[in-house]
């Protein structure tokens, strides 16, 4: 593990320094032993060695690590294990994460990356039950990330410090569409005018800010720290999220549909707001559309 981490660390330092700067110092041997005692078995050697090198990422100014997942510090690994144990007791293992899967990374929307304690494999636990194996070991998972970096099969925004994400496979397009850019992942909602020749506002969500675009031109940014209030309402039965900014800002409010391709990114970063009430948000999302304040600074 140490060899591949040294190589990966060098690539991250060169291409995604914000990730390196977010990593915590290593855990103490006694802390790792306490985790092993609590879960009732030893950790796979490669993941254990990594914890002694870096105990996950800082929970402040965390840019994520890979594919929208952030590495959990050891204490959060412990908390997540205890929470899943409680859920398994209440709902049964078939409705939650398998009993020998230890979470080590999360994406803010309920999906987890886990170490399978018996085999050492890395698997993704997804809320909709479409679990998948990512690599045959933690070291193998790091190797895959290193390969993606070496082959430039990733995206990273150095201006925002957003974590690296693998590039999707580009499908063949019809000849008529060959010159058209595919920006579906960034589309939030069209501008209010709705004219055929009118412009369209799109938004990109990163760990530090919301980037606002009009057509292809970047119009401005809104740091998450500037948001004063988050409200839920609806329009024509479609759930909407309103982000209120300090008076005098332009704009003073951003209204976003929840039924968008990149809603998962939006939900992830909203969930990182201090004091965010996930239960109230989910209730409002499934509610009758009555205007509700979910969060306020």
Protein backbone atom coordinates (compact mmCIF):
# COMPACT_ATOMS: atom_id res chain seq x y z
CA UNK A 1 0.00 0.00 0.00
CA UNK A 2 2.77 2.43 0.91
CA UNK A 3 4.35 2.17 -2.55
CA UNK A 4 1.16 2.91 -4.49
CA UNK A 5 0.17 5.64 -2.04
CA UNK A 6 3.52 7.35 -2.52
CA UNK A 7 2.97 7.36 -6.30
CA UNK A 8 -0.65 8.50 -5.98
CA UNK A 9 0.31 11.20 -3.50
CA UNK A 10 2.77 12.60 -6.05
CA UNK A 11 0.11 12.73 -8.77
CA UNK A 12 -2.44 14.34 -6.45
CA UNK A 13 0.10 16.92 -5.33
CA UNK A 14 0.69 17.86 -8.97
CA UNK A 15 -2.90 17.70 -10.21
CA UNK A 16 -5.26 18.08 -7.22
CA UNK A 17 -3.33 19.69 -4.37
CA UNK A 18 -6.53 20.62 -2.49
CA UNK A 19 -7.13 16.93 -1.84
CA UNK A 20 -3.66 16.42 -0.36
CA UNK A 21 -4.11 19.49 1.85
CA UNK A 22 -7.42 18.13 3.18
CA UNK A 23 -5.95 14.83 4.43
CA UNK A 24 -5.71 14.35 8.20
CA UNK A 25 -2.55 13.13 9.94
CA UNK A 26 -2.38 9.41 10.62
CA UNK A 27 -4.31 7.79 13.46
CA UNK A 28 -2.51 6.39 16.49
CA UNK A 29 -1.93 2.63 16.67
CA UNK A 30 -4.04 2.49 19.83
CA UNK A 31 -6.94 4.21 18.01
CA UNK A 32 -6.86 1.66 15.19
CA UNK A 33 -6.71 -1.17 17.73
CA UNK A 34 -9.77 0.29 19.50
CA UNK A 35 -11.70 0.25 16.21
CA UNK A 36 -10.69 -3.36 15.57
CA UNK A 37 -11.79 -4.34 19.06
CA UNK A 38 -15.15 -2.63 18.55
CA UNK A 39 -15.91 -4.31 15.22
CA UNK A 40 -14.60 -7.65 16.46
CA UNK A 41 -11.95 -8.32 13.82
CA UNK A 42 -8.73 -7.00 12.36
CA UNK A 43 -8.73 -4.54 9.48
CA UNK A 44 -7.26 -5.55 6.10
CA UNK A 45 -3.56 -4.65 6.23
CA UNK A 46 -3.64 -2.17 3.34
CA UNK A 47 -6.51 -0.11 4.78
CA UNK A 48 -4.99 -0.33 8.27
CA UNK A 49 -1.69 1.03 6.95
CA UNK A 50 -3.53 3.88 5.23
CA UNK A 51 -5.30 4.90 8.45
CA UNK A 52 -1.92 5.07 10.18
CA UNK A 53 -0.77 7.35 7.33
CA UNK A 54 -3.91 9.47 6.97
CA UNK A 55 -7.03 9.24 9.12
CA UNK A 56 -9.36 10.28 6.32
CA UNK A 57 -10.00 13.88 5.36
CA UNK A 58 -10.80 17.01 7.33
CA UNK A 59 -14.52 17.62 7.69
CA UNK A 60 -13.91 21.35 7.15
CA UNK A 61 -13.21 22.55 3.60
CA UNK A 62 -13.32 18.96 2.39
CA UNK A 63 -13.02 18.82 -1.43
CA UNK A 64 -13.85 15.13 -1.62
CA UNK A 65 -11.41 12.45 -2.73
CA UNK A 66 -12.69 10.55 -5.78
CA UNK A 67 -15.99 10.29 -7.63
CA UNK A 68 -17.82 12.55 -5.12
CA UNK A 69 -16.73 10.42 -2.12
CA UNK A 70 -14.90 11.89 0.89
CA UNK A 71 -12.65 9.75 3.10
CA UNK A 72 -13.99 9.40 6.63
CA UNK A 73 -11.69 10.09 9.60
CA UNK A 74 -11.38 7.12 11.95
CA UNK A 75 -13.92 8.44 14.46
CA UNK A 76 -16.53 8.80 11.69
CA UNK A 77 -15.76 5.27 10.47
CA UNK A 78 -16.57 4.09 14.00
CA UNK A 79 -19.78 6.15 14.17
CA UNK A 80 -20.95 4.87 10.78
CA UNK A 81 -20.28 1.25 11.79
CA UNK A 82 -22.27 1.70 15.01
CA UNK A 83 -25.14 3.36 13.13
CA UNK A 84 -25.31 0.58 10.55
CA UNK A 85 -25.22 -2.05 13.31
CA UNK A 86 -28.22 -0.36 14.89
CA UNK A 87 -30.05 -0.22 11.54
CA UNK A 88 -29.37 -3.90 10.93
CA UNK A 89 -30.80 -4.74 14.35
CA UNK A 90 -33.95 -2.75 13.56
CA UNK A 91 -34.52 -3.45 9.86
CA UNK A 92 -32.52 -6.59 9.09
CA UNK A 93 -29.36 -6.94 7.04
CA UNK A 94 -31.22 -7.33 3.74
CA UNK A 95 -32.39 -3.71 3.98
CA UNK A 96 -29.08 -2.13 4.86
CA UNK A 97 -25.33 -2.48 4.39
CA UNK A 98 -24.01 -6.08 4.74
CA UNK A 99 -22.74 -6.91 8.22
CA UNK A 100 -19.04 -7.29 7.34
CA UNK A 101 -18.84 -4.08 5.27
CA UNK A 102 -16.96 -1.28 7.05
CA UNK A 103 -17.70 2.21 5.61
CA UNK A 104 -14.63 4.36 4.90
CA UNK A 105 -15.98 7.02 2.50
CA UNK A 106 -19.31 8.78 1.94
CA UNK A 107 -20.82 11.07 -0.70
CA UNK A 108 -23.29 13.00 1.47
CA UNK A 109 -26.37 11.39 -0.08
CA UNK A 110 -26.31 8.08 1.78
CA UNK A 111 -24.04 6.10 -0.58
CA UNK A 112 -20.93 4.59 0.99
CA UNK A 113 -17.67 3.00 -0.02
CA UNK A 114 -16.91 0.05 2.22
CA UNK A 115 -14.15 -2.43 3.01
CA UNK A 116 -15.39 -6.00 2.97
CA UNK A 117 -13.65 -7.15 6.13
CA UNK A 118 -13.40 -10.83 5.21
CA UNK A 119 -12.17 -10.46 1.62
CA UNK A 120 -10.59 -6.99 1.80
CA UNK A 121 -12.47 -5.88 -1.34
CA UNK A 122 -13.81 -2.34 -1.79
CA UNK A 123 -17.51 -2.15 -2.62
CA UNK A 124 -20.05 0.61 -3.06
CA UNK A 125 -23.23 0.52 -0.96
CA UNK A 126 -26.03 2.38 -2.75
CA UNK A 127 -29.37 3.24 -1.19
CA UNK A 128 -31.28 1.77 -4.14
CA UNK A 129 -29.62 -1.64 -3.55
CA UNK A 130 -27.50 -1.50 -6.73
CA UNK A 131 -24.33 -2.37 -4.79
CA UNK A 132 -21.17 -3.02 -6.78
CA UNK A 133 -17.62 -4.18 -6.18
CA UNK A 134 -15.12 -1.44 -7.03
CA UNK A 135 -11.79 -3.24 -6.50
CA UNK A 136 -10.47 -6.47 -5.00
CA UNK A 137 -8.60 -4.56 -2.27
CA UNK A 138 -8.07 -1.07 -0.84
CA UNK A 139 -4.64 -1.01 -2.47
CA UNK A 140 -6.28 -2.01 -5.76
CA UNK A 141 -8.76 0.86 -5.39
CA UNK A 142 -5.90 3.34 -4.91
CA UNK A 143 -4.17 1.82 -7.94
CA UNK A 144 -7.27 2.40 -10.07
CA UNK A 145 -7.34 6.06 -9.00
CA UNK A 146 -3.64 6.41 -9.80
CA UNK A 147 -4.24 4.91 -13.25
CA UNK A 148 -7.09 7.35 -13.89
CA UNK A 149 -4.80 10.24 -12.98
CA UNK A 150 -1.93 8.99 -15.12
CA UNK A 151 -4.24 8.50 -18.12
CA UNK A 152 -6.02 11.86 -17.56
CA UNK A 153 -9.32 9.98 -17.22
CA UNK A 154 -10.64 12.43 -14.65
CA UNK A 155 -11.90 15.95 -14.15
CA UNK A 156 -10.72 18.37 -11.49
CA UNK A 157 -11.49 22.05 -10.94
CA UNK A 158 -8.46 23.68 -9.27
CA UNK A 159 -10.28 27.01 -8.82
CA UNK A 160 -12.86 25.42 -6.53
CA UNK A 161 -10.79 22.55 -5.16
CA UNK A 162 -13.46 20.02 -6.15
CA UNK A 163 -12.41 16.39 -5.81
CA UNK A 164 -11.43 14.34 -8.85
CA UNK A 165 -14.14 12.52 -10.75
CA UNK A 166 -13.70 9.85 -13.44
CA UNK A 167 -14.68 10.89 -16.93
CA UNK A 168 -17.70 9.13 -18.39
CA UNK A 169 -17.42 7.12 -21.57
CA UNK A 170 -18.35 9.17 -24.64
CA UNK A 171 -20.93 7.40 -26.78
CA UNK A 172 -21.02 7.77 -30.55
CA UNK A 173 -23.30 10.58 -31.64
CA UNK A 174 -25.38 10.88 -34.78
CA UNK A 175 -23.61 12.90 -37.46
CA UNK A 176 -26.08 15.76 -37.07
CA UNK A 177 -25.20 16.07 -33.36
CA UNK A 178 -21.44 15.68 -33.67
CA UNK A 179 -20.75 19.36 -33.04
CA UNK A 180 -23.13 19.78 -30.12
CA UNK A 181 -21.79 19.86 -26.56
CA UNK A 182 -23.45 17.57 -24.04
CA UNK A 183 -24.06 19.66 -20.91
CA UNK A 184 -26.95 17.70 -19.44
CA UNK A 185 -25.20 17.10 -16.12
CA UNK A 186 -24.95 20.83 -15.48
CA UNK A 187 -28.51 21.81 -16.46
CA UNK A 188 -30.60 22.99 -13.52
CA UNK A 189 -33.47 24.95 -15.04
CA UNK A 190 -34.07 27.22 -17.99
CA UNK A 191 -34.35 30.97 -17.67
CA UNK A 192 -37.76 32.42 -16.99
CA UNK A 193 -38.33 33.92 -20.44
CA UNK A 194 -38.67 30.55 -22.17
CA UNK A 195 -38.21 32.08 -25.66
CA UNK A 196 -36.66 29.92 -28.35
CA UNK A 197 -33.80 32.37 -28.64
CA UNK A 198 -33.57 33.06 -24.92
CA UNK A 199 -30.59 32.26 -22.72
CA UNK A 200 -30.45 29.41 -20.22
CA UNK A 201 -28.97 29.49 -16.72
CA UNK A 202 -27.01 26.45 -15.59
CA UNK A 203 -25.25 25.71 -12.32
CA UNK A 204 -22.25 23.64 -11.31
CA UNK A 205 -21.95 22.54 -7.69
CA UNK A 206 -18.52 22.07 -6.12
CA UNK A 207 -17.27 21.66 -2.56
CA UNK A 208 -16.72 25.39 -2.07
CA UNK A 209 -19.18 27.21 -4.30
CA UNK A 210 -21.95 27.28 -6.88
CA UNK A 211 -20.84 28.38 -10.32
CA UNK A 212 -23.50 30.16 -12.41
CA UNK A 213 -23.42 30.04 -16.22
CA UNK A 214 -25.56 31.73 -18.86
CA UNK A 215 -25.36 29.61 -21.97
CA UNK A 216 -21.61 28.79 -22.05
CA UNK A 217 -20.46 31.97 -20.29
CA UNK A 218 -19.60 31.92 -16.60
CA UNK A 219 -21.61 34.71 -14.93
CA UNK A 220 -20.45 34.40 -11.32
CA UNK A 221 -20.04 32.24 -8.25
CA UNK A 222 -21.78 31.88 -4.88
CA UNK A 223 -19.77 30.42 -1.97
CA UNK A 224 -21.78 28.04 0.21
CA UNK A 225 -20.80 30.28 3.13
CA UNK A 226 -22.86 33.14 1.64
CA UNK A 227 -26.15 31.23 1.77
CA UNK A 228 -28.42 32.64 4.46
CA UNK A 229 -31.51 30.45 4.14
CA UNK A 230 -32.75 27.35 2.29
CA UNK A 231 -36.46 27.05 1.52
CA UNK A 232 -38.53 24.30 -0.11
CA UNK A 233 -41.65 24.99 -2.20
CA UNK A 234 -43.08 23.79 -5.51
CA UNK A 235 -44.13 25.04 -8.92
CA UNK A 236 -46.67 23.06 -10.95
CA UNK A 237 -46.03 20.11 -8.65
CA UNK A 238 -42.26 20.24 -9.10
CA UNK A 239 -40.23 20.54 -5.86
CA UNK A 240 -38.05 23.65 -5.79
CA UNK A 241 -35.17 24.68 -3.55
CA UNK A 242 -34.63 28.40 -2.94
CA UNK A 243 -31.25 29.59 -1.72
CA UNK A 244 -31.45 33.06 -0.14
CA UNK A 245 -28.32 35.23 -0.16
CA UNK A 246 -27.48 38.39 1.82
CA UNK A 247 -29.40 41.52 0.86
CA UNK A 248 -27.71 43.42 -1.94
CA UNK A 249 -26.35 40.34 -3.70
CA UNK A 250 -27.04 39.83 -7.38
CA UNK A 251 -28.95 37.59 -7.42
CA UNK A 252 -30.45 37.62 -3.91
CA UNK A 253 -32.12 34.25 -4.48
CA UNK A 254 -31.34 31.16 -6.55
CA UNK A 255 -34.30 28.90 -7.29
CA UNK A 256 -33.42 25.35 -8.33
CA UNK A 257 -35.48 22.38 -9.41
CA UNK A 258 -34.88 19.17 -7.49
CA UNK A 259 -35.59 17.02 -10.56
CA UNK A 260 -32.29 17.66 -12.31
CA UNK A 261 -29.47 15.39 -13.50
CA UNK A 262 -26.98 16.86 -11.01
CA UNK A 263 -29.38 17.09 -8.05
CA UNK A 264 -27.21 14.53 -6.23
CA UNK A 265 -24.35 17.06 -6.21
CA UNK A 266 -26.65 19.80 -4.91
CA UNK A 267 -28.02 17.58 -2.14
CA UNK A 268 -24.51 16.48 -1.16
CA UNK A 269 -23.24 19.98 -0.55
CA UNK A 270 -26.44 21.19 1.11
CA UNK A 271 -25.97 18.30 3.52
CA UNK A 272 -22.61 19.73 4.54
CA UNK A 273 -24.14 23.02 5.77
CA UNK A 274 -23.65 23.22 9.52
CA UNK A 275 -26.88 22.23 11.25
CA UNK A 276 -28.50 20.85 8.09
CA UNK A 277 -31.58 18.78 8.97
CA UNK A 278 -31.60 15.86 6.53
CA UNK A 279 -34.86 14.45 7.92
CA UNK A 280 -36.70 17.77 7.48
CA UNK A 281 -35.35 18.08 3.95
CA UNK A 282 -36.49 14.59 2.95
CA UNK A 283 -39.90 15.25 4.49
CA UNK A 284 -40.25 18.51 2.54
CA UNK A 285 -39.06 16.80 -0.63
CA UNK A 286 -41.84 14.24 -0.36
CA UNK A 287 -44.44 16.68 1.00
CA UNK A 288 -47.30 18.67 -0.49
CA UNK A 289 -45.18 21.56 -1.74
CA UNK A 290 -46.05 23.98 1.06
CA UNK A 291 -43.25 26.52 1.52
CA UNK A 292 -40.94 25.37 4.31
CA UNK A 293 -37.71 26.81 5.69
CA UNK A 294 -35.27 23.89 5.95
CA UNK A 295 -32.15 25.72 7.08
CA UNK A 296 -31.22 29.20 8.23
CA UNK A 297 -27.91 30.70 9.23
